[in-house]
Amino acid sequence: MTDASILVAALRDPQSLPLETDWTALIAMARAEQLLGTLAYRLDGLPVPEIVARLFDDARSSAEQGRRIALWEAEMARRTLTPLGCPVVLLKGTAYVAAGLSAGRGRSIGDLDILVPRASLDAVEAALLAAGWEWVKPDPYDDVYYRRWMHELPPLIHRERDRMIDVHHTILPPTARSSPDAAALIADAVPLGNGLSMLSPTDMIVHAATHLLADGDLSGGLRNLWDIHCLIDEFGTAGLDARARHHGLSPAVLRGGRQAHALFGTEIPASWRGWDPLDPWFQRRLLARDGWGRATRPATRFGFYVRSHWLRMPPAMLARHLWTKWRRS
């Protein structure tokens, strides 16, 4: 195979993986897509070469350590923000592991992502700065850009723990073509029993699809698509259509469901399965890895990079932003 189909096949049906698999290619692709821990759990207990078994043991241990670090960072944020009395909703990987969801099993977790009401941003920012977090992007242009046009504060990093936090007030930039209902995301969040919450199941799926297909260039796409697969497998699609329409994100959710169905066999309603002319290009982008884990199909990647900016900003604003960034660089 000349793309990441070997990784997709291993995740989709581990039992079908032959012992003579090209393990070097499979592991390199899994590393590149931040899916090595997930793959290690999927193949746990199956016959693999001894050296691969040792590597998978390490990957599972690393994923468990990452889970503990993510939960500890969430606890530090909880202690800092609870006195403010505002809702704090965990997002993405930290939410998955905090709730014990299948999407969190072996998942690589980077930053701590949280969602808070926009009206609470100033208080949240002040509390985090007082508790040891500091700005990652001190550049004045970047600071103004984030505050005026983005769906989150500029990223912060803790000076002692070296862990980043992204504070969101919604899940898409205000300049994007869709405007999710941030108030509804927070109002319908599910308490975790410790002062923190996670998005409702339907909103988690909507957010995962949005993050993959409406807010980026599909970097790390297979990991995000695996999230969608796991969330749909665990929660189903009841009410998802209506919720996606409410947030104005039906195209992303339906495409995410189609791609998960095509690659991972995710069960989706028959009415979702109509393949549209652009879907093969999305799949081509998702599978763009070679046997060394290197990025391939540069023209396709560049096209999706341009698309990611086009989705985020109107044309005039995009041109001005790119010109400013180029000039400053």
Protein backbone atom coordinates (compact mmCIF):
# COMPACT_ATOMS: atom_id res chain seq x y z
CA MET A 1 0.00 0.00 0.00
CA THR A 2 1.29 3.46 -0.84
CA ASP A 3 -0.73 5.47 1.68
CA ALA A 4 -2.12 5.23 5.21
CA SER A 5 -4.68 2.59 4.25
CA ILE A 6 -2.60 0.03 6.17
CA LEU A 7 -3.10 2.05 9.37
CA VAL A 8 -6.81 2.44 8.72
CA ALA A 9 -7.17 -1.31 8.16
CA ALA A 10 -5.31 -2.11 11.40
CA LEU A 11 -7.53 0.21 13.43
CA ARG A 12 -10.74 -0.91 11.74
CA ASP A 13 -10.22 -4.67 12.06
CA PRO A 14 -7.13 -5.63 14.10
CA GLN A 15 -7.99 -9.34 13.84
CA SER A 16 -7.49 -9.23 10.08
CA LEU A 17 -3.93 -7.92 10.30
CA PRO A 18 -1.52 -10.56 8.96
CA LEU A 19 1.62 -11.38 10.95
CA GLU A 20 3.74 -10.55 7.86
CA THR A 21 2.47 -6.95 7.99
CA ASP A 22 4.96 -4.22 7.12
CA TRP A 23 5.34 -3.23 10.76
CA THR A 24 7.84 -0.47 10.04
CA ALA A 25 5.37 1.30 7.77
CA LEU A 26 2.42 0.73 10.10
CA ILE A 27 4.24 2.08 13.15
CA ALA A 28 5.74 5.03 11.27
CA MET A 29 2.30 6.05 10.01
CA ALA A 30 0.75 5.62 13.46
CA ARG A 31 3.45 7.83 15.00
CA ALA A 32 3.00 10.50 12.36
CA GLU A 33 -0.79 10.54 12.87
CA GLN A 34 -0.46 10.50 16.69
CA LEU A 35 -2.26 7.17 16.78
CA LEU A 36 0.47 4.88 18.12
CA GLY A 37 -1.12 4.56 21.56
CA THR A 38 -4.51 3.90 20.02
CA LEU A 39 -3.03 1.28 17.70
CA ALA A 40 -1.22 -0.37 20.62
CA TYR A 41 -4.49 -0.77 22.51
CA ARG A 42 -6.34 -1.99 19.43
CA LEU A 43 -3.73 -4.71 18.88
CA ASP A 44 -3.32 -5.61 22.56
CA GLY A 45 -3.38 -9.38 23.00
CA LEU A 46 -2.96 -10.16 19.31
CA PRO A 47 0.12 -12.01 17.99
CA VAL A 48 2.78 -9.51 16.88
CA PRO A 49 6.57 -9.76 16.55
CA GLU A 50 8.37 -9.52 19.90
CA ILE A 51 10.05 -6.21 19.11
CA VAL A 52 6.67 -4.76 18.10
CA ALA A 53 5.09 -6.08 21.29
CA ARG A 54 7.73 -4.26 23.36
CA LEU A 55 7.17 -1.06 21.41
CA PHE A 56 3.40 -1.35 21.94
CA ASP A 57 3.94 -1.90 25.67
CA ASP A 58 5.89 1.36 25.77
CA ALA A 59 3.19 3.13 23.75
CA ARG A 60 0.48 2.01 26.15
CA SER A 61 2.56 3.13 29.12
CA SER A 62 3.20 6.48 27.46
CA ALA A 63 -0.52 6.91 26.72
CA GLU A 64 -1.37 6.14 30.34
CA GLN A 65 1.17 8.68 31.54
CA GLY A 66 -0.31 11.21 29.09
CA ARG A 67 -3.77 10.47 30.46
CA ARG A 68 -2.65 11.15 34.04
CA ILE A 69 -0.87 14.37 33.03
CA ALA A 70 -3.95 15.58 31.13
CA LEU A 71 -6.23 14.89 34.08
CA TRP A 72 -3.84 16.60 36.49
CA GLU A 73 -3.70 19.67 34.24
CA ALA A 74 -7.50 19.72 34.15
CA GLU A 75 -7.50 19.57 37.95
CA MET A 76 -5.09 22.51 38.13
CA ALA A 77 -7.39 24.51 35.87
CA ARG A 78 -10.39 23.49 38.00
CA ARG A 79 -8.72 24.70 41.20
CA THR A 80 -7.84 27.98 39.54
CA LEU A 81 -11.19 28.68 37.90
CA THR A 82 -13.75 27.23 40.35
CA PRO A 83 -13.71 30.37 42.54
CA LEU A 84 -14.94 32.38 39.53
CA GLY A 85 -18.24 30.51 39.51
CA CYS A 86 -18.34 30.21 35.71
CA PRO A 87 -18.90 26.98 33.76
CA VAL A 88 -15.71 25.24 32.60
CA VAL A 89 -16.22 22.63 29.87
CA LEU A 90 -13.44 20.22 28.92
CA LEU A 91 -12.93 19.65 25.20
CA LYS A 92 -11.29 17.05 22.96
CA GLY A 93 -8.88 14.46 24.39
CA THR A 94 -8.99 15.58 28.01
CA ALA A 95 -12.78 15.35 28.00
CA TYR A 96 -12.62 11.85 26.53
CA VAL A 97 -10.27 10.50 29.19
CA ALA A 98 -12.01 12.37 32.02
CA ALA A 99 -15.29 10.69 31.06
CA GLY A 100 -13.70 7.29 30.40
CA LEU A 101 -14.84 7.26 26.78
CA SER A 102 -13.52 4.81 24.20
CA ALA A 103 -12.19 7.76 22.16
CA GLY A 104 -9.72 8.39 24.99
CA ARG A 105 -8.24 4.88 25.00
CA GLY A 106 -4.59 5.32 24.04
CA ARG A 107 -5.27 8.80 22.68
CA SER A 108 -2.43 11.27 22.30
CA ILE A 109 -3.36 14.43 24.25
CA GLY A 110 -1.57 17.73 23.75
CA ASP A 111 -2.94 20.98 25.11
CA LEU A 112 -5.72 21.33 27.64
CA ASP A 113 -8.71 22.76 25.77
CA ILE A 114 -11.57 24.32 27.73
CA LEU A 115 -14.74 26.21 26.82
CA VAL A 116 -16.01 29.08 28.98
CA PRO A 117 -18.64 31.78 28.43
CA ARG A 118 -17.35 34.73 26.45
CA ALA A 119 -18.47 37.07 29.23
CA SER A 120 -16.09 35.26 31.60
CA LEU A 121 -12.98 35.52 29.41
CA ASP A 122 -11.43 38.49 31.24
CA ALA A 123 -11.84 36.87 34.64
CA VAL A 124 -10.57 33.49 33.39
CA GLU A 125 -7.55 35.12 31.78
CA ALA A 126 -6.68 37.05 34.93
CA ALA A 127 -7.03 33.96 37.12
CA LEU A 128 -4.81 31.84 34.88
CA LEU A 129 -2.11 34.51 34.68
CA ALA A 130 -2.14 34.87 38.47
CA ALA A 131 -1.78 31.08 38.83
CA GLY A 132 1.38 30.79 36.75
CA TRP A 133 0.29 30.58 33.13
CA GLU A 134 1.93 33.00 30.69
CA TRP A 135 1.52 33.98 27.05
CA VAL A 136 2.99 31.81 24.29
CA LYS A 137 2.50 34.48 21.60
CA PRO A 138 3.73 37.84 22.94
CA ASP A 139 3.66 39.44 19.47
CA PRO A 140 1.18 42.39 19.55
CA TYR A 141 -0.31 41.56 16.14
CA ASP A 142 -0.97 37.94 17.13
CA ASP A 143 -2.48 39.07 20.44
CA VAL A 144 -4.89 41.48 18.75
CA TYR A 145 -5.70 38.93 16.03
CA TYR A 146 -6.65 36.25 18.56
CA ARG A 147 -8.74 38.58 20.69
CA ARG A 148 -10.61 40.17 17.81
CA TRP A 149 -11.02 37.38 15.31
CA MET A 150 -10.46 33.99 16.93
CA HIS A 151 -12.66 31.66 18.97
CA GLU A 152 -10.12 31.46 21.78
CA LEU A 153 -7.65 33.48 23.79
CA PRO A 154 -4.01 33.45 22.68
CA PRO A 155 -2.51 30.17 23.98
CA LEU A 156 -1.02 30.11 27.47
CA ILE A 157 1.66 27.86 28.95
CA HIS A 158 2.34 27.18 32.61
CA ARG A 159 5.78 28.39 33.59
CA GLU A 160 6.51 25.42 35.87
CA ARG A 161 4.64 22.48 34.35
CA ASP A 162 5.30 23.50 30.72
CA ARG A 163 1.74 22.59 29.73
CA MET A 164 -0.41 24.67 27.40
CA ILE A 165 -4.04 25.66 27.80
CA ASP A 166 -6.37 26.92 25.07
CA VAL A 167 -9.33 28.87 26.43
CA HIS A 168 -12.24 28.81 23.95
CA HIS A 169 -15.41 30.87 24.03
CA THR A 170 -16.89 29.00 21.04
CA ILE A 171 -15.73 26.31 18.60
CA LEU A 172 -15.25 28.32 15.38
CA PRO A 173 -13.81 31.77 14.70
CA PRO A 174 -16.47 34.50 14.59
CA THR A 175 -15.39 35.17 10.99
CA ALA A 176 -16.14 31.59 9.89
CA ARG A 177 -19.04 30.82 7.59
CA SER A 178 -20.94 28.99 10.35
CA SER A 179 -21.81 30.39 13.78
CA PRO A 180 -22.25 27.60 16.35
CA ASP A 181 -24.50 28.32 19.33
CA ALA A 182 -21.86 28.65 22.06
CA ALA A 183 -24.46 29.33 24.76
CA ALA A 184 -26.22 26.06 23.91
CA LEU A 185 -22.92 24.14 23.99
CA ILE A 186 -22.34 25.33 27.56
CA ALA A 187 -25.97 25.10 28.72
CA ASP A 188 -26.28 21.47 27.60
CA ALA A 189 -22.85 20.35 28.85
CA VAL A 190 -22.76 17.24 31.04
CA PRO A 191 -21.29 17.64 34.57
CA LEU A 192 -18.37 15.35 35.39
CA GLY A 193 -18.98 15.57 39.12
CA ASN A 194 -15.88 17.58 40.01
CA GLY A 195 -16.90 21.09 39.00
CA LEU A 196 -15.95 20.50 35.38
CA SER A 197 -18.18 19.46 32.49
CA MET A 198 -17.93 17.95 29.04
CA LEU A 199 -20.02 18.64 25.96
CA SER A 200 -23.18 16.62 25.48
CA PRO A 201 -22.68 13.51 23.31
CA THR A 202 -24.21 15.13 20.23
CA ASP A 203 -22.20 18.31 20.73
CA MET A 204 -19.00 16.28 21.17
CA ILE A 205 -19.56 14.68 17.78
CA VAL A 206 -20.42 18.05 16.23
CA HIS A 207 -17.24 19.55 17.71
CA ALA A 208 -15.05 16.65 16.55
CA ALA A 209 -16.41 16.98 13.00
CA THR A 210 -16.03 20.76 13.13
CA HIS A 211 -12.44 20.52 14.32
CA LEU A 212 -11.60 18.11 11.51
CA LEU A 213 -13.55 19.51 8.58
CA ALA A 214 -14.56 23.13 9.24
CA ASP A 215 -11.58 24.59 11.06
CA GLY A 216 -8.32 23.33 9.64
CA ASP A 217 -6.31 21.69 6.90
CA LEU A 218 -6.95 18.10 8.08
CA SER A 219 -3.57 17.83 9.82
CA GLY A 220 -3.81 14.92 12.24
CA GLY A 221 -6.92 13.98 10.33
CA LEU A 222 -7.00 10.25 11.00
CA ARG A 223 -6.79 10.79 14.77
CA ASN A 224 -9.70 13.21 14.62
CA LEU A 225 -11.65 10.88 12.34
CA TRP A 226 -11.03 8.05 14.78
CA ASP A 227 -12.53 10.30 17.49
CA ILE A 228 -15.66 10.69 15.37
CA HIS A 229 -15.83 6.93 14.80
CA CYS A 230 -15.50 6.16 18.51
CA LEU A 231 -18.02 8.80 19.58
CA ILE A 232 -20.65 7.65 17.08
CA ASP A 233 -19.97 4.02 17.98
CA GLU A 234 -20.46 4.82 21.67
CA PHE A 235 -23.37 7.26 21.49
CA GLY A 236 -25.04 6.64 18.13
CA THR A 237 -26.51 9.33 15.90
CA ALA A 238 -29.91 9.93 17.55
CA GLY A 239 -30.56 13.67 17.59
CA LEU A 240 -27.28 14.41 15.84
CA ASP A 241 -28.84 15.64 12.60
CA ALA A 242 -30.99 18.20 14.41
CA ARG A 243 -28.12 19.34 16.63
CA ALA A 244 -25.79 19.79 13.67
CA ARG A 245 -28.44 21.88 11.91
CA HIS A 246 -28.93 23.96 15.05
CA HIS A 247 -25.24 24.84 15.04
CA GLY A 248 -25.14 25.37 11.27
CA LEU A 249 -22.64 22.55 10.93
CA SER A 250 -24.53 19.82 9.08
CA PRO A 251 -22.08 19.68 6.13
CA ALA A 252 -19.12 18.98 8.43
CA VAL A 253 -20.99 16.40 10.50
CA LEU A 254 -22.36 14.55 7.48
CA ARG A 255 -18.99 14.52 5.73
CA GLY A 256 -17.30 13.35 8.92
CA GLY A 257 -19.82 10.54 9.21
CA ARG A 258 -19.31 9.54 5.57
CA GLN A 259 -15.53 9.49 5.90
CA ALA A 260 -15.69 7.51 9.15
CA HIS A 261 -18.08 5.04 7.52
CA ALA A 262 -15.86 4.65 4.46
CA LEU A 263 -12.59 4.23 6.34
CA PHE A 264 -13.53 2.73 9.72
CA GLY A 265 -16.89 1.13 9.00
CA THR A 266 -18.75 3.47 11.35
CA GLU A 267 -22.49 2.83 11.48
CA ILE A 268 -24.31 5.89 10.13
CA PRO A 269 -27.87 6.38 8.84
CA ALA A 270 -28.44 5.35 5.24
CA SER A 271 -29.53 8.91 4.46
CA TRP A 272 -25.99 10.14 5.27
CA ARG A 273 -24.19 7.87 2.84
CA GLY A 274 -24.54 9.75 -0.43
CA TRP A 275 -20.92 10.25 -1.52
CA ASP A 276 -20.43 13.76 -2.94
CA PRO A 277 -17.83 14.75 -5.59
CA LEU A 278 -15.44 16.26 -3.04
CA ASP A 279 -15.38 13.28 -0.68
CA PRO A 280 -12.62 11.42 -2.57
CA TRP A 281 -10.38 14.48 -2.19
CA PHE A 282 -10.94 14.50 1.57
CA GLN A 283 -10.08 10.81 1.72
CA ARG A 284 -7.00 11.41 -0.42
CA ARG A 285 -5.87 14.06 2.07
CA LEU A 286 -6.60 11.88 5.11
CA LEU A 287 -4.48 9.02 3.74
CA ALA A 288 -1.52 11.12 2.58
CA ARG A 289 1.36 9.25 4.26
CA ASP A 290 4.09 7.04 2.84
CA GLY A 291 5.69 3.96 4.37
CA TRP A 292 8.10 6.12 6.39
CA GLY A 293 5.29 8.19 7.87
CA ARG A 294 6.20 11.18 5.73
CA ALA A 295 3.60 13.56 4.37
CA THR A 296 2.78 12.96 0.71
CA ARG A 297 0.58 14.58 -1.97
CA PRO A 298 1.89 18.13 -1.43
CA ALA A 299 -0.52 19.69 -3.93
CA THR A 300 -3.49 18.18 -2.11
CA ARG A 301 -2.13 19.30 1.25
CA PHE A 302 -1.57 22.82 -0.02
CA GLY A 303 -5.11 22.92 -1.39
CA PHE A 304 -6.51 22.01 2.01
CA TYR A 305 -4.22 24.56 3.69
CA VAL A 306 -5.69 27.28 1.47
CA ARG A 307 -9.18 25.93 2.14
CA SER A 308 -8.63 26.14 5.91
CA HIS A 309 -7.88 29.86 5.68
CA TRP A 310 -10.73 30.43 3.24
CA LEU A 311 -13.17 28.85 5.71
CA ARG A 312 -11.93 31.03 8.55
CA MET A 313 -12.00 34.47 6.94
CA PRO A 314 -13.71 36.53 4.25
CA PRO A 315 -11.43 37.05 1.20
CA ALA A 316 -10.41 40.66 1.93
CA MET A 317 -9.60 39.89 5.53
CA LEU A 318 -7.68 36.76 4.53
CA ALA A 319 -5.57 38.69 2.03
CA ARG A 320 -4.79 41.38 4.60
CA HIS A 321 -3.90 38.81 7.26
CA LEU A 322 -1.60 36.79 4.97
CA TRP A 323 0.07 39.97 3.73
CA THR A 324 0.69 41.12 7.30
CA LYS A 325 2.11 37.75 8.36
CA TRP A 326 4.34 37.55 5.28
CA ARG A 327 5.64 41.09 5.76
CA ARG A 328 6.36 40.52 9.46
CA SER A 329 8.17 37.25 8.75
